[in-house]
Amino acid sequence: MTRIFGLVLIPDRPCAHDPDLFYAKGPLRIERAKAICRPCPHRERCLATALELGEVHGVWGGLSAPERQELTPRPRDPHPKGAAA
């Protein structure tokens, strides 16, 4: 069994058939990749791995990079505008 970032790479996982699709550009291809992820039994672990690693490319666990960024807390600005210095 092959592992990458703690994930067991199962040969018959849905994303194994067209891995390039999961790094595709364009809304139709991204939606197609996300649709393949939806029923995958590994989706939650895949998403958790992408969030843990800060993966900024591709569809992981059914979410695009911008969607994953929305789940990631942003650091607070130590010097907000209008605050006294």
Protein backbone atom coordinates (compact mmCIF):
# COMPACT_ATOMS: atom_id res chain seq x y z
CA MET A 1 0.00 0.00 0.00
CA THR A 2 1.28 3.45 -0.89
CA ARG A 3 0.87 6.39 1.48
CA ILE A 4 1.13 10.09 0.79
CA PHE A 5 0.66 12.63 3.57
CA GLY A 6 -0.94 9.93 5.70
CA LEU A 7 -3.49 8.96 3.06
CA VAL A 8 -3.54 5.42 1.83
CA LEU A 9 -3.59 5.65 -1.94
CA ILE A 10 -6.14 3.05 -2.88
CA PRO A 11 -5.88 2.10 -6.55
CA ASP A 12 -9.65 2.03 -7.09
CA ARG A 13 -10.39 5.42 -5.49
CA PRO A 14 -12.48 7.60 -7.81
CA CYS A 15 -9.79 10.28 -8.31
CA ALA A 16 -7.19 7.72 -9.42
CA HIS A 17 -8.71 7.44 -12.89
CA ASP A 18 -8.11 11.06 -13.91
CA PRO A 19 -5.80 12.79 -11.39
CA ASP A 20 -5.21 15.77 -13.72
CA LEU A 21 -8.90 16.63 -13.48
CA PHE A 22 -8.41 17.49 -9.81
CA TYR A 23 -5.90 20.20 -10.73
CA ALA A 24 -7.85 21.50 -13.72
CA LYS A 25 -8.73 25.11 -14.36
CA GLY A 26 -12.19 26.23 -15.34
CA PRO A 27 -15.49 25.97 -13.52
CA LEU A 28 -16.90 23.02 -15.46
CA ARG A 29 -13.87 20.81 -14.85
CA ILE A 30 -13.69 21.85 -11.19
CA GLU A 31 -17.37 20.99 -10.73
CA ARG A 32 -16.77 17.64 -12.44
CA ALA A 33 -13.92 16.87 -10.02
CA LYS A 34 -16.07 17.88 -7.04
CA ALA A 35 -18.89 15.62 -8.26
CA ILE A 36 -16.48 12.68 -8.33
CA CYS A 37 -15.47 13.46 -4.72
CA ARG A 38 -18.99 13.64 -3.29
CA PRO A 39 -19.64 9.90 -2.90
CA CYS A 40 -16.02 8.99 -2.12
CA PRO A 41 -15.60 7.24 1.24
CA HIS A 42 -12.19 8.97 1.65
CA ARG A 43 -13.51 12.51 1.14
CA GLU A 44 -13.36 13.65 4.77
CA ARG A 45 -9.81 12.42 5.33
CA CYS A 46 -8.72 13.89 2.00
CA LEU A 47 -10.16 17.28 2.93
CA ALA A 48 -8.61 17.14 6.40
CA THR A 49 -5.22 16.39 4.87
CA ALA A 50 -5.48 19.31 2.45
CA LEU A 51 -6.42 21.67 5.28
CA GLU A 52 -3.66 20.34 7.51
CA LEU A 53 -1.05 20.79 4.79
CA GLY A 54 -2.38 24.14 3.61
CA GLU A 55 -2.79 22.78 0.08
CA VAL A 56 -3.50 25.74 -2.20
CA HIS A 57 -4.09 23.91 -5.48
CA GLY A 58 -6.66 21.51 -6.81
CA VAL A 59 -9.84 19.89 -5.58
CA TRP A 60 -9.36 17.92 -2.37
CA GLY A 61 -12.17 16.32 -0.43
CA GLY A 62 -14.75 17.85 -2.71
CA LEU A 63 -13.67 21.46 -2.22
CA SER A 64 -11.70 23.80 -4.47
CA ALA A 65 -8.75 25.80 -3.14
CA PRO A 66 -10.83 28.99 -2.63
CA GLU A 67 -13.51 26.98 -0.80
CA ARG A 68 -10.87 25.47 1.49
CA GLN A 69 -9.44 28.92 2.17
CA GLU A 70 -12.88 29.97 3.44
CA LEU A 71 -12.67 27.17 6.03
CA THR A 72 -9.23 28.26 7.22
CA PRO A 73 -9.20 30.92 9.94
CA ARG A 74 -7.29 33.99 8.90
CA PRO A 75 -4.76 35.49 11.31
CA ARG A 76 -5.95 38.67 12.95
CA ASP A 77 -4.30 41.89 11.84
CA PRO A 78 -2.12 43.07 14.75
CA HIS A 79 -2.43 46.65 13.47
CA PRO A 80 -6.03 47.21 12.34
CA LYS A 81 -6.77 50.49 10.57
CA GLY A 82 -7.96 53.19 12.88
CA ALA A 83 -6.49 51.59 16.00
CA ALA A 84 -4.33 53.67 18.30
CA ALA A 85 -0.66 52.81 18.04
